[in-house]
Amino acid sequence: VIAGKDRRIHPSVRMSGRVIIGEGCVAEKDAKLNGPLVIGAQCRIGANAVLEDSVIWDRVTIGAHTSIRSSVIANDCIIGDKTGLTGAMLGDHIKLDAGRRLDPGARIFPEDFENGT
C-alpha cells in the first residue's frame, strides 16, 4: 500500500494487493480496497464500498455500499450509494444516482449527455 499525505483511512478499512491512494483521500468505515487499485487525490470512498482492479482519478466521490470492479472513473465524478460498476469507463464530471447499476462494460462520457444520448 502506498498512501499520499493528508489522507484519512478508517481503521476498519481492509486493503489487499497493490493499492495506491492519493493525497487528501478519505476512506470511510469498512471499505474494502483490493489491488491492483489506484485512487487519485482528494477522493472520498464511502462506508462499506468495495473497489478492486480499478483506476479512480482525482476528486471522485464514491457512495456507501457501492461496488466498483475493473473500471476507470475520470476526474470529478460522483457515484451514488449502492451503485454497481463492472468494467465501466466514466468520463469527467459524470454523476450516477444512488442505486444505479450499469451494464458490464458500460461507457459514459460528458458528450453523451450533451448530444441527448
PDB file of N, CA and C in Angstrom:
ATOM      1  N   VAL A   1       0.847  -1.183   0.000  1.00  0.00           N
ATOM      2  CA  VAL A   1       0.000   0.000   0.000  1.00  0.00           C
ATOM      3  C   VAL A   1       0.889   1.242   0.000  1.00  0.00           C
ATOM      4  N   ILE A   2       0.603   2.144  -0.923  1.00  0.00           N
ATOM      5  CA  ILE A   2       1.292   3.427  -0.973  1.00  0.00           C
ATOM      6  C   ILE A   2       0.232   4.498  -0.779  1.00  0.00           C
ATOM      7  N   ALA A   3       0.412   5.352   0.223  1.00  0.00           N
ATOM      8  CA  ALA A   3      -0.603   6.359   0.528  1.00  0.00           C
ATOM      9  C   ALA A   3       0.015   7.747   0.578  1.00  0.00           C
ATOM     10  N   GLY A   4      -0.683   8.696  -0.053  1.00  0.00           N
ATOM     11  CA  GLY A   4      -0.255  10.087  -0.049  1.00  0.00           C
ATOM     12  C   GLY A   4      -0.479  10.725   1.314  1.00  0.00           C
ATOM     13  N   LYS A   5       0.053  11.933   1.456  1.00  0.00           N
ATOM     14  CA  LYS A   5      -0.092  12.631   2.733  1.00  0.00           C
ATOM     15  C   LYS A   5      -1.514  13.160   2.892  1.00  0.00           C
ATOM     16  N   ASP A   6      -1.848  13.491   4.122  1.00  0.00           N
ATOM     17  CA  ASP A   6      -3.143  14.082   4.481  1.00  0.00           C
ATOM     18  C   ASP A   6      -4.325  13.193   4.120  1.00  0.00           C
ATOM     19  N   ARG A   7      -4.134  11.903   4.083  1.00  0.00           N
ATOM     20  CA  ARG A   7      -5.266  11.022   3.822  1.00  0.00           C
ATOM     21  C   ARG A   7      -5.817  10.516   5.151  1.00  0.00           C
ATOM     22  N   ARG A   8      -7.111  10.195   5.143  1.00  0.00           N
ATOM     23  CA  ARG A   8      -7.763   9.673   6.344  1.00  0.00           C
ATOM     24  C   ARG A   8      -8.412   8.344   5.986  1.00  0.00           C
ATOM     25  N   ILE A   9      -7.864   7.302   6.552  1.00  0.00           N
ATOM     26  CA  ILE A   9      -8.363   5.959   6.283  1.00  0.00           C
ATOM     27  C   ILE A   9      -8.842   5.376   7.596  1.00  0.00           C
ATOM     28  N   HIS A  10     -10.127   5.059   7.657  1.00  0.00           N
ATOM     29  CA  HIS A  10     -10.708   4.499   8.883  1.00  0.00           C
ATOM     30  C   HIS A  10      -9.971   3.203   9.230  1.00  0.00           C
ATOM     31  N   PRO A  11      -9.750   2.947  10.524  1.00  0.00           N
ATOM     32  CA  PRO A  11      -9.008   1.737  10.924  1.00  0.00           C
ATOM     33  C   PRO A  11      -9.650   0.428  10.456  1.00  0.00           C
ATOM     34  N   SER A  12     -10.952   0.425  10.181  1.00  0.00           N
ATOM     35  CA  SER A  12     -11.621  -0.810   9.761  1.00  0.00           C
ATOM     36  C   SER A  12     -11.514  -1.085   8.259  1.00  0.00           C
ATOM     37  N   VAL A  13     -10.926  -0.153   7.496  1.00  0.00           N
ATOM     38  CA  VAL A  13     -10.775  -0.344   6.047  1.00  0.00           C
ATOM     39  C   VAL A  13      -9.808  -1.501   5.804  1.00  0.00           C
ATOM     40  N   ARG A  14     -10.198  -2.401   4.886  1.00  0.00           N
ATOM     41  CA  ARG A  14      -9.351  -3.543   4.536  1.00  0.00           C
ATOM     42  C   ARG A  14      -8.723  -3.298   3.171  1.00  0.00           C
ATOM     43  N   MET A  15      -7.415  -3.501   3.099  1.00  0.00           N
ATOM     44  CA  MET A  15      -6.689  -3.330   1.845  1.00  0.00           C
ATOM     45  C   MET A  15      -5.881  -4.579   1.561  1.00  0.00           C
ATOM     46  N   SER A  16      -5.892  -4.977   0.284  1.00  0.00           N
ATOM     47  CA  SER A  16      -5.072  -6.115  -0.122  1.00  0.00           C
ATOM     48  C   SER A  16      -4.519  -5.860  -1.516  1.00  0.00           C
ATOM     49  N   GLY A  17      -3.378  -6.473  -1.808  1.00  0.00           N
ATOM     50  CA  GLY A  17      -2.755  -6.281  -3.103  1.00  0.00           C
ATOM     51  C   GLY A  17      -2.120  -4.901  -3.211  1.00  0.00           C
ATOM     52  N   ARG A  18      -1.796  -4.523  -4.432  1.00  0.00           N
ATOM     53  CA  ARG A  18      -1.138  -3.237  -4.697  1.00  0.00           C
ATOM     54  C   ARG A  18      -2.193  -2.139  -4.742  1.00  0.00           C
ATOM     55  N   VAL A  19      -2.185  -1.260  -3.750  1.00  0.00           N
ATOM     56  CA  VAL A  19      -3.147  -0.165  -3.641  1.00  0.00           C
ATOM     57  C   VAL A  19      -2.368   1.136  -3.504  1.00  0.00           C
ATOM     58  N   ILE A  20      -2.678   2.099  -4.358  1.00  0.00           N
ATOM     59  CA  ILE A  20      -2.071   3.425  -4.294  1.00  0.00           C
ATOM     60  C   ILE A  20      -3.183   4.423  -4.013  1.00  0.00           C
ATOM     61  N   ILE A  21      -3.010   5.217  -2.963  1.00  0.00           N
ATOM     62  CA  ILE A  21      -4.032   6.168  -2.532  1.00  0.00           C
ATOM     63  C   ILE A  21      -3.434   7.573  -2.573  1.00  0.00           C
ATOM     64  N   GLY A  22      -4.072   8.475  -3.313  1.00  0.00           N
ATOM     65  CA  GLY A  22      -3.569   9.832  -3.487  1.00  0.00           C
ATOM     66  C   GLY A  22      -3.721  10.706  -2.249  1.00  0.00           C
ATOM     67  N   GLU A  23      -3.117  11.877  -2.324  1.00  0.00           N
ATOM     68  CA  GLU A  23      -3.154  12.840  -1.230  1.00  0.00           C
ATOM     69  C   GLU A  23      -4.578  13.297  -0.940  1.00  0.00           C
ATOM     70  N   GLY A  24      -4.862  13.478   0.337  1.00  0.00           N
ATOM     71  CA  GLY A  24      -6.126  14.048   0.770  1.00  0.00           C
ATOM     72  C   GLY A  24      -7.330  13.134   0.627  1.00  0.00           C
ATOM     73  N   CYS A  25      -7.118  11.843   0.423  1.00  0.00           N
ATOM     74  CA  CYS A  25      -8.245  10.914   0.270  1.00  0.00           C
ATOM     75  C   CYS A  25      -8.838  10.530   1.624  1.00  0.00           C
ATOM     76  N   VAL A  26     -10.115  10.187   1.578  1.00  0.00           N
ATOM     77  CA  VAL A  26     -10.825   9.710   2.752  1.00  0.00           C
ATOM     78  C   VAL A  26     -11.448   8.368   2.400  1.00  0.00           C
ATOM     79  N   ALA A  27     -11.209   7.357   3.235  1.00  0.00           N
ATOM     80  CA  ALA A  27     -11.857   6.056   3.089  1.00  0.00           C
ATOM     81  C   ALA A  27     -12.607   5.790   4.386  1.00  0.00           C
ATOM     82  N   GLU A  28     -13.919   5.638   4.272  1.00  0.00           N
ATOM     83  CA  GLU A  28     -14.774   5.503   5.450  1.00  0.00           C
ATOM     84  C   GLU A  28     -14.866   4.048   5.932  1.00  0.00           C
ATOM     85  N   LYS A  29     -15.556   3.879   7.026  1.00  0.00           N
ATOM     86  CA  LYS A  29     -15.662   2.621   7.763  1.00  0.00           C
ATOM     87  C   LYS A  29     -15.994   1.426   6.869  1.00  0.00           C
ATOM     88  N   ASP A  30     -15.222   0.361   7.070  1.00  0.00           N
ATOM     89  CA  ASP A  30     -15.443  -0.952   6.457  1.00  0.00           C
ATOM     90  C   ASP A  30     -15.341  -0.985   4.936  1.00  0.00           C
ATOM     91  N   ALA A  31     -14.735   0.026   4.324  1.00  0.00           N
ATOM     92  CA  ALA A  31     -14.482  -0.035   2.879  1.00  0.00           C
ATOM     93  C   ALA A  31     -13.452  -1.133   2.616  1.00  0.00           C
ATOM     94  N   LYS A  32     -13.529  -1.727   1.409  1.00  0.00           N
ATOM     95  CA  LYS A  32     -12.577  -2.757   1.003  1.00  0.00           C
ATOM     96  C   LYS A  32     -11.892  -2.294  -0.272  1.00  0.00           C
ATOM     97  N   LEU A  33     -10.569  -2.223  -0.215  1.00  0.00           N
ATOM     98  CA  LEU A  33      -9.769  -1.732  -1.329  1.00  0.00           C
ATOM     99  C   LEU A  33      -8.831  -2.856  -1.758  1.00  0.00           C
ATOM    100  N   ASN A  34      -9.118  -3.459  -2.912  1.00  0.00           N
ATOM    101  CA  ASN A  34      -8.380  -4.623  -3.380  1.00  0.00           C
ATOM    102  C   ASN A  34      -7.622  -4.294  -4.659  1.00  0.00           C
ATOM    103  N   GLY A  35      -6.309  -4.433  -4.593  1.00  0.00           N
ATOM    104  CA  GLY A  35      -5.481  -4.109  -5.739  1.00  0.00           C
ATOM    105  C   GLY A  35      -5.463  -5.196  -6.793  1.00  0.00           C
ATOM    106  N   PRO A  36      -5.002  -4.825  -7.973  1.00  0.00           N
ATOM    107  CA  PRO A  36      -4.404  -3.532  -8.262  1.00  0.00           C
ATOM    108  C   PRO A  36      -5.457  -2.424  -8.279  1.00  0.00           C
ATOM    109  N   LEU A  37      -5.140  -1.332  -7.597  1.00  0.00           N
ATOM    110  CA  LEU A  37      -6.090  -0.231  -7.456  1.00  0.00           C
ATOM    111  C   LEU A  37      -5.316   1.072  -7.295  1.00  0.00           C
ATOM    112  N   VAL A  38      -5.707   2.068  -8.087  1.00  0.00           N
ATOM    113  CA  VAL A  38      -5.125   3.409  -7.962  1.00  0.00           C
ATOM    114  C   VAL A  38      -6.265   4.383  -7.682  1.00  0.00           C
ATOM    115  N   ILE A  39      -6.123   5.154  -6.618  1.00  0.00           N
ATOM    116  CA  ILE A  39      -7.114   6.159  -6.238  1.00  0.00           C
ATOM    117  C   ILE A  39      -6.404   7.504  -6.236  1.00  0.00           C
ATOM    118  N   GLY A  40      -6.886   8.443  -7.045  1.00  0.00           N
ATOM    119  CA  GLY A  40      -6.260   9.755  -7.179  1.00  0.00           C
ATOM    120  C   GLY A  40      -6.467  10.633  -5.952  1.00  0.00           C
ATOM    121  N   ALA A  41      -6.012  11.860  -6.064  1.00  0.00           N
ATOM    122  CA  ALA A  41      -6.060  12.826  -4.959  1.00  0.00           C
ATOM    123  C   ALA A  41      -7.490  13.290  -4.673  1.00  0.00           C
ATOM    124  N   GLN A  42      -7.735  13.599  -3.415  1.00  0.00           N
ATOM    125  CA  GLN A  42      -8.970  14.233  -2.945  1.00  0.00           C
ATOM    126  C   GLN A  42     -10.227  13.397  -3.221  1.00  0.00           C
ATOM    127  N   CYS A  43     -10.109  12.076  -3.179  1.00  0.00           N
ATOM    128  CA  CYS A  43     -11.272  11.199  -3.373  1.00  0.00           C
ATOM    129  C   CYS A  43     -11.898  10.854  -2.031  1.00  0.00           C
ATOM    130  N   ARG A  44     -13.179  10.530  -2.067  1.00  0.00           N
ATOM    131  CA  ARG A  44     -13.895  10.075  -0.870  1.00  0.00           C
ATOM    132  C   ARG A  44     -14.542   8.734  -1.193  1.00  0.00           C
ATOM    133  N   ILE A  45     -14.219   7.726  -0.375  1.00  0.00           N
ATOM    134  CA  ILE A  45     -14.752   6.382  -0.531  1.00  0.00           C
ATOM    135  C   ILE A  45     -15.708   6.133   0.629  1.00  0.00           C
ATOM    136  N   GLY A  46     -16.965   5.872   0.318  1.00  0.00           N
ATOM    137  CA  GLY A  46     -17.994   5.706   1.344  1.00  0.00           C
ATOM    138  C   GLY A  46     -17.866   4.413   2.136  1.00  0.00           C
ATOM    139  N   ALA A  47     -18.573   4.366   3.243  1.00  0.00           N
ATOM    140  CA  ALA A  47     -18.581   3.199   4.122  1.00  0.00           C
ATOM    141  C   ALA A  47     -19.062   1.965   3.361  1.00  0.00           C
ATOM    142  N   ASN A  48     -18.405   0.846   3.605  1.00  0.00           N
ATOM    143  CA  ASN A  48     -18.759  -0.451   3.029  1.00  0.00           C
ATOM    144  C   ASN A  48     -18.638  -0.513   1.513  1.00  0.00           C
ATOM    145  N   ALA A  49     -17.984   0.454   0.903  1.00  0.00           N
ATOM    146  CA  ALA A  49     -17.747   0.392  -0.540  1.00  0.00           C
ATOM    147  C   ALA A  49     -16.671  -0.656  -0.821  1.00  0.00           C
ATOM    148  N   VAL A  50     -16.748  -1.258  -2.014  1.00  0.00           N
ATOM    149  CA  VAL A  50     -15.758  -2.240  -2.446  1.00  0.00           C
ATOM    150  C   VAL A  50     -15.175  -1.759  -3.773  1.00  0.00           C
ATOM    151  N   LEU A  51     -13.867  -1.552  -3.809  1.00  0.00           N
ATOM    152  CA  LEU A  51     -13.171  -1.134  -5.029  1.00  0.00           C
ATOM    153  C   LEU A  51     -12.084  -2.140  -5.311  1.00  0.00           C
ATOM    154  N   GLU A  52     -12.017  -2.599  -6.564  1.00  0.00           N
ATOM    155  CA  GLU A  52     -10.937  -3.519  -6.916  1.00  0.00           C
ATOM    156  C   GLU A  52     -10.598  -3.417  -8.398  1.00  0.00           C
ATOM    157  N   ASP A  53      -9.330  -3.649  -8.678  1.00  0.00           N
ATOM    158  CA  ASP A  53      -8.839  -3.717 -10.050  1.00  0.00           C
ATOM    159  C   ASP A  53      -9.311  -2.524 -10.875  1.00  0.00           C
ATOM    160  N   SER A  54      -9.150  -1.315 -10.348  1.00  0.00           N
ATOM    161  CA  SER A  54      -9.690  -0.113 -10.992  1.00  0.00           C
ATOM    162  C   SER A  54      -8.731   1.064 -10.876  1.00  0.00           C
ATOM    163  N   VAL A  55      -8.995   2.092 -11.679  1.00  0.00           N
ATOM    164  CA  VAL A  55      -8.285   3.355 -11.604  1.00  0.00           C
ATOM    165  C   VAL A  55      -9.322   4.443 -11.370  1.00  0.00           C
ATOM    166  N   ILE A  56      -9.177   5.144 -10.271  1.00  0.00           N
ATOM    167  CA  ILE A  56     -10.084   6.225  -9.882  1.00  0.00           C
ATOM    168  C   ILE A  56      -9.263   7.510  -9.941  1.00  0.00           C
ATOM    169  N   TRP A  57      -9.649   8.439 -10.803  1.00  0.00           N
ATOM    170  CA  TRP A  57      -8.875   9.664 -10.958  1.00  0.00           C
ATOM    171  C   TRP A  57      -9.143  10.610  -9.785  1.00  0.00           C
ATOM    172  N   ASP A  58      -8.866  11.891  -9.923  1.00  0.00           N
ATOM    173  CA  ASP A  58      -8.940  12.855  -8.826  1.00  0.00           C
ATOM    174  C   ASP A  58     -10.363  13.345  -8.542  1.00  0.00           C
ATOM    175  N   ARG A  59     -10.574  13.681  -7.266  1.00  0.00           N
ATOM    176  CA  ARG A  59     -11.799  14.339  -6.800  1.00  0.00           C
ATOM    177  C   ARG A  59     -13.064  13.541  -7.123  1.00  0.00           C
ATOM    178  N   VAL A  60     -12.988  12.240  -6.944  1.00  0.00           N
ATOM    179  CA  VAL A  60     -14.130  11.359  -7.183  1.00  0.00           C
ATOM    180  C   VAL A  60     -14.763  11.021  -5.838  1.00  0.00           C
ATOM    181  N   THR A  61     -16.093  11.057  -5.791  1.00  0.00           N
ATOM    182  CA  THR A  61     -16.840  10.659  -4.599  1.00  0.00           C
ATOM    183  C   THR A  61     -17.556   9.349  -4.903  1.00  0.00           C
ATOM    184  N   ILE A  62     -17.331   8.357  -4.068  1.00  0.00           N
ATOM    185  CA  ILE A  62     -17.950   7.041  -4.233  1.00  0.00           C
ATOM    186  C   ILE A  62     -18.799   6.789  -3.010  1.00  0.00           C
ATOM    187  N   GLY A  63     -20.076   6.541  -3.235  1.00  0.00           N
ATOM    188  CA  GLY A  63     -21.034   6.393  -2.146  1.00  0.00           C
ATOM    189  C   GLY A  63     -20.872   5.112  -1.344  1.00  0.00           C
ATOM    190  N   ALA A  64     -21.580   5.075  -0.238  1.00  0.00           N
ATOM    191  CA  ALA A  64     -21.579   3.916   0.652  1.00  0.00           C
ATOM    192  C   ALA A  64     -22.207   2.713  -0.051  1.00  0.00           C
ATOM    193  N   HIS A  65     -21.716   1.534   0.287  1.00  0.00           N
ATOM    194  CA  HIS A  65     -22.240   0.262  -0.231  1.00  0.00           C
ATOM    195  C   HIS A  65     -22.167   0.176  -1.755  1.00  0.00           C
ATOM    196  N   THR A  66     -21.223   0.861  -2.353  1.00  0.00           N
ATOM    197  CA  THR A  66     -21.039   0.854  -3.805  1.00  0.00           C
ATOM    198  C   THR A  66     -19.945  -0.141  -4.164  1.00  0.00           C
ATOM    199  N   SER A  67     -20.100  -0.793  -5.317  1.00  0.00           N
ATOM    200  CA  SER A  67     -19.130  -1.772  -5.792  1.00  0.00           C
ATOM    201  C   SER A  67     -18.575  -1.314  -7.141  1.00  0.00           C
ATOM    202  N   ILE A  68     -17.247  -1.192  -7.229  1.00  0.00           N
ATOM    203  CA  ILE A  68     -16.590  -0.804  -8.482  1.00  0.00           C
ATOM    204  C   ILE A  68     -15.495  -1.821  -8.754  1.00  0.00           C
ATOM    205  N   ARG A  69     -15.631  -2.512  -9.888  1.00  0.00           N
ATOM    206  CA  ARG A  69     -14.675  -3.558 -10.259  1.00  0.00           C
ATOM    207  C   ARG A  69     -14.204  -3.348 -11.695  1.00  0.00           C
ATOM    208  N   SER A  70     -12.898  -3.464 -11.897  1.00  0.00           N
ATOM    209  CA  SER A  70     -12.303  -3.421 -13.241  1.00  0.00           C
ATOM    210  C   SER A  70     -12.790  -2.222 -14.045  1.00  0.00           C
ATOM    211  N   SER A  71     -12.780  -1.058 -13.432  1.00  0.00           N
ATOM    212  CA  SER A  71     -13.340   0.147 -14.051  1.00  0.00           C
ATOM    213  C   SER A  71     -12.354   1.311 -14.012  1.00  0.00           C
ATOM    214  N   VAL A  72     -12.622   2.304 -14.861  1.00  0.00           N
ATOM    215  CA  VAL A  72     -11.864   3.551 -14.871  1.00  0.00           C
ATOM    216  C   VAL A  72     -12.867   4.681 -14.675  1.00  0.00           C
ATOM    217  N   ILE A  73     -12.646   5.494 -13.641  1.00  0.00           N
ATOM    218  CA  ILE A  73     -13.527   6.606 -13.302  1.00  0.00           C
ATOM    219  C   ILE A  73     -12.693   7.884 -13.396  1.00  0.00           C
ATOM    220  N   ALA A  74     -13.057   8.785 -14.312  1.00  0.00           N
ATOM    221  CA  ALA A  74     -12.278  10.002 -14.539  1.00  0.00           C
ATOM    222  C   ALA A  74     -12.574  11.069 -13.474  1.00  0.00           C
ATOM    223  N   ASN A  75     -11.948  12.219 -13.616  1.00  0.00           N
ATOM    224  CA  ASN A  75     -12.000  13.295 -12.621  1.00  0.00           C
ATOM    225  C   ASN A  75     -13.417  13.789 -12.324  1.00  0.00           C
ATOM    226  N   ASP A  76     -13.614  14.154 -11.059  1.00  0.00           N
ATOM    227  CA  ASP A  76     -14.796  14.894 -10.606  1.00  0.00           C
ATOM    228  C   ASP A  76     -16.107  14.147 -10.797  1.00  0.00           C
ATOM    229  N   CYS A  77     -16.078  12.831 -10.746  1.00  0.00           N
ATOM    230  CA  CYS A  77     -17.315  12.044 -10.836  1.00  0.00           C
ATOM    231  C   CYS A  77     -17.924  11.860  -9.446  1.00  0.00           C
ATOM    232  N   ILE A  78     -19.226  11.663  -9.428  1.00  0.00           N
ATOM    233  CA  ILE A  78     -19.948  11.360  -8.195  1.00  0.00           C
ATOM    234  C   ILE A  78     -20.738  10.076  -8.448  1.00  0.00           C
ATOM    235  N   ILE A  79     -20.419   9.057  -7.659  1.00  0.00           N
ATOM    236  CA  ILE A  79     -21.070   7.760  -7.782  1.00  0.00           C
ATOM    237  C   ILE A  79     -21.914   7.576  -6.528  1.00  0.00           C
ATOM    238  N   GLY A  80     -23.225   7.501  -6.699  1.00  0.00           N
ATOM    239  CA  GLY A  80     -24.145   7.441  -5.558  1.00  0.00           C
ATOM    240  C   GLY A  80     -24.049   6.160  -4.750  1.00  0.00           C
ATOM    241  N   ASP A  81     -24.695   6.162  -3.594  1.00  0.00           N
ATOM    242  CA  ASP A  81     -24.754   4.987  -2.723  1.00  0.00           C
ATOM    243  C   ASP A  81     -25.371   3.798  -3.463  1.00  0.00           C
ATOM    244  N   LYS A  82     -24.919   2.606  -3.095  1.00  0.00           N
ATOM    245  CA  LYS A  82     -25.473   1.338  -3.589  1.00  0.00           C
ATOM    246  C   LYS A  82     -25.472   1.246  -5.116  1.00  0.00           C
ATOM    247  N   THR A  83     -24.406   1.761  -5.720  1.00  0.00           N
ATOM    248  CA  THR A  83     -24.241   1.715  -7.167  1.00  0.00           C
ATOM    249  C   THR A  83     -23.274   0.591  -7.507  1.00  0.00           C
ATOM    250  N   GLY A  84     -23.458  -0.047  -8.670  1.00  0.00           N
ATOM    251  CA  GLY A  84     -22.580  -1.131  -9.087  1.00  0.00           C
ATOM    252  C   GLY A  84     -22.011  -0.908 -10.472  1.00  0.00           C
ATOM    253  N   LEU A  85     -20.679  -1.005 -10.584  1.00  0.00           N
ATOM    254  CA  LEU A  85     -19.993  -0.851 -11.863  1.00  0.00           C
ATOM    255  C   LEU A  85     -19.005  -1.997 -12.044  1.00  0.00           C
ATOM    256  N   THR A  86     -19.028  -2.620 -13.212  1.00  0.00           N
ATOM    257  CA  THR A  86     -18.055  -3.653 -13.561  1.00  0.00           C
ATOM    258  C   THR A  86     -17.579  -3.387 -14.981  1.00  0.00           C
ATOM    259  N   GLY A  87     -16.275  -3.219 -15.144  1.00  0.00           N
ATOM    260  CA  GLY A  87     -15.718  -2.979 -16.465  1.00  0.00           C
ATOM    261  C   GLY A  87     -16.177  -1.676 -17.089  1.00  0.00           C
ATOM    262  N   ALA A  88     -16.567  -0.722 -16.282  1.00  0.00           N
ATOM    263  CA  ALA A  88     -17.111   0.549 -16.776  1.00  0.00           C
ATOM    264  C   ALA A  88     -16.007   1.574 -17.018  1.00  0.00           C
ATOM    265  N   MET A  89     -16.324   2.532 -17.858  1.00  0.00           N
ATOM    266  CA  MET A  89     -15.449   3.668 -18.083  1.00  0.00           C
ATOM    267  C   MET A  89     -16.313   4.918 -18.045  1.00  0.00           C
ATOM    268  N   LEU A  90     -16.024   5.810 -17.093  1.00  0.00           N
ATOM    269  CA  LEU A  90     -16.774   7.048 -16.950  1.00  0.00           C
ATOM    270  C   LEU A  90     -15.853   8.227 -17.220  1.00  0.00           C
ATOM    271  N   GLY A  91     -16.281   9.147 -18.092  1.00  0.00           N
ATOM    272  CA  GLY A  91     -15.528  10.363 -18.359  1.00  0.00           C
ATOM    273  C   GLY A  91     -15.678  11.365 -17.229  1.00  0.00           C
ATOM    274  N   ASP A  92     -15.016  12.501 -17.368  1.00  0.00           N
ATOM    275  CA  ASP A  92     -15.060  13.557 -16.351  1.00  0.00           C
ATOM    276  C   ASP A  92     -16.485  14.014 -16.050  1.00  0.00           C
ATOM    277  N   HIS A  93     -16.718  14.355 -14.786  1.00  0.00           N
ATOM    278  CA  HIS A  93     -17.929  15.042 -14.321  1.00  0.00           C
ATOM    279  C   HIS A  93     -19.216  14.231 -14.487  1.00  0.00           C
ATOM    280  N   ILE A  94     -19.127  12.913 -14.466  1.00  0.00           N
ATOM    281  CA  ILE A  94     -20.325  12.086 -14.568  1.00  0.00           C
ATOM    282  C   ILE A  94     -20.895  11.880 -13.166  1.00  0.00           C
ATOM    283  N   LYS A  95     -22.213  12.003 -13.062  1.00  0.00           N
ATOM    284  CA  LYS A  95     -22.898  11.753 -11.793  1.00  0.00           C
ATOM    285  C   LYS A  95     -23.865  10.596 -11.990  1.00  0.00           C
ATOM    286  N   LEU A  96     -23.713   9.559 -11.150  1.00  0.00           N
ATOM    287  CA  LEU A  96     -24.632   8.427 -11.169  1.00  0.00           C
ATOM    288  C   LEU A  96     -25.451   8.448  -9.887  1.00  0.00           C
ATOM    289  N   ASP A  97     -26.758   8.423 -10.035  1.00  0.00           N
ATOM    290  CA  ASP A  97     -27.653   8.452  -8.883  1.00  0.00           C
ATOM    291  C   ASP A  97     -27.535   7.175  -8.058  1.00  0.00           C
ATOM    292  N   ALA A  98     -27.939   7.247  -6.812  1.00  0.00           N
ATOM    293  CA  ALA A  98     -27.910   6.105  -5.905  1.00  0.00           C
ATOM    294  C   ALA A  98     -28.703   4.938  -6.489  1.00  0.00           C
ATOM    295  N   GLY A  99     -28.160   3.753  -6.289  1.00  0.00           N
ATOM    296  CA  GLY A  99     -28.841   2.537  -6.702  1.00  0.00           C
ATOM    297  C   GLY A  99     -28.682   2.180  -8.166  1.00  0.00           C
ATOM    298  N   ARG A 100     -27.941   2.942  -8.908  1.00  0.00           N
ATOM    299  CA  ARG A 100     -27.780   2.711 -10.355  1.00  0.00           C
ATOM    300  C   ARG A 100     -26.885   1.507 -10.598  1.00  0.00           C
ATOM    301  N   ARG A 101     -27.274   0.656 -11.503  1.00  0.00           N
ATOM    302  CA  ARG A 101     -26.472  -0.495 -11.923  1.00  0.00           C
ATOM    303  C   ARG A 101     -26.259  -0.368 -13.421  1.00  0.00           C
ATOM    304  N   LEU A 102     -25.020  -0.232 -13.830  1.00  0.00           N
ATOM    305  CA  LEU A 102     -24.709  -0.140 -15.253  1.00  0.00           C
ATOM    306  C   LEU A 102     -24.419  -1.531 -15.796  1.00  0.00           C
ATOM    307  N   ASP A 103     -24.723  -1.727 -17.071  1.00  0.00           N
ATOM    308  CA  ASP A 103     -24.369  -2.983 -17.723  1.00  0.00           C
ATOM    309  C   ASP A 103     -22.855  -3.143 -17.701  1.00  0.00           C
ATOM    310  N   PRO A 104     -22.348  -4.366 -17.565  1.00  0.00           N
ATOM    311  CA  PRO A 104     -20.899  -4.568 -17.609  1.00  0.00           C
ATOM    312  C   PRO A 104     -20.306  -3.980 -18.894  1.00  0.00           C
ATOM    313  N   GLY A 105     -19.193  -3.282 -18.744  1.00  0.00           N
ATOM    314  CA  GLY A 105     -18.523  -2.678 -19.880  1.00  0.00           C
ATOM    315  C   GLY A 105     -19.103  -1.351 -20.336  1.00  0.00           C
ATOM    316  N   ALA A 106     -20.016  -0.779 -19.575  1.00  0.00           N
ATOM    317  CA  ALA A 106     -20.657   0.492 -19.962  1.00  0.00           C
ATOM    318  C   ALA A 106     -19.625   1.607 -20.096  1.00  0.00           C
ATOM    319  N   ARG A 107     -19.869   2.492 -21.052  1.00  0.00           N
ATOM    320  CA  ARG A 107     -19.022   3.668 -21.285  1.00  0.00           C
ATOM    321  C   ARG A 107     -19.916   4.891 -21.273  1.00  0.00           C
ATOM    322  N   ILE A 108     -19.601   5.857 -20.409  1.00  0.00           N
ATOM    323  CA  ILE A 108     -20.390   7.095 -20.330  1.00  0.00           C
ATOM    324  C   ILE A 108     -19.417   8.267 -20.318  1.00  0.00           C
ATOM    325  N   PHE A 109     -19.645   9.209 -21.226  1.00  0.00           N
ATOM    326  CA  PHE A 109     -18.800  10.388 -21.337  1.00  0.00           C
ATOM    327  C   PHE A 109     -19.674  11.635 -21.344  1.00  0.00           C
ATOM    328  N   PRO A 110     -19.129  12.795 -20.953  1.00  0.00           N
ATOM    329  CA  PRO A 110     -19.950  14.019 -20.888  1.00  0.00           C
ATOM    330  C   PRO A 110     -20.668  14.324 -22.199  1.00  0.00           C
ATOM    331  N   GLU A 111     -20.033  14.095 -23.329  1.00  0.00           N
ATOM    332  CA  GLU A 111     -20.670  14.405 -24.618  1.00  0.00           C
ATOM    333  C   GLU A 111     -21.908  13.532 -24.882  1.00  0.00           C
ATOM    334  N   ASP A 112     -22.000  12.387 -24.210  1.00  0.00           N
ATOM    335  CA  ASP A 112     -23.195  11.551 -24.351  1.00  0.00           C
ATOM    336  C   ASP A 112     -24.427  12.305 -23.865  1.00  0.00           C
ATOM    337  N   PHE A 113     -24.270  13.102 -22.805  1.00  0.00           N
ATOM    338  CA  PHE A 113     -25.381  13.877 -22.270  1.00  0.00           C
ATOM    339  C   PHE A 113     -25.647  15.112 -23.127  1.00  0.00           C
ATOM    340  N   GLU A 114     -24.568  15.715 -23.624  1.00  0.00           N
ATOM    341  CA  GLU A 114     -24.720  16.918 -24.458  1.00  0.00           C
ATOM    342  C   GLU A 114     -25.440  16.613 -25.765  1.00  0.00           C
ATOM    343  N   ASN A 115     -25.254  15.394 -26.282  1.00  0.00           N
ATOM    344  CA  ASN A 115     -25.873  15.012 -27.545  1.00  0.00           C
ATOM    345  C   ASN A 115     -27.231  14.336 -27.348  1.00  0.00           C
ATOM    346  N   GLY A 116     -27.683  14.251 -26.091  1.00  0.00           N
ATOM    347  CA  GLY A 116     -29.003  13.707 -25.819  1.00  0.00           C
ATOM    348  C   GLY A 116     -29.078  12.190 -25.829  1.00  0.00           C
ATOM    349  N   THR A 117     -27.952  11.509 -25.683  1.00  0.00           N
ATOM    350  CA  THR A 117     -27.993  10.049 -25.669  1.00  0.00           C
ATOM    351  C   THR A 117     -28.001   9.518 -24.272  1.00  0.00           C
TER     352      THR A 117
END
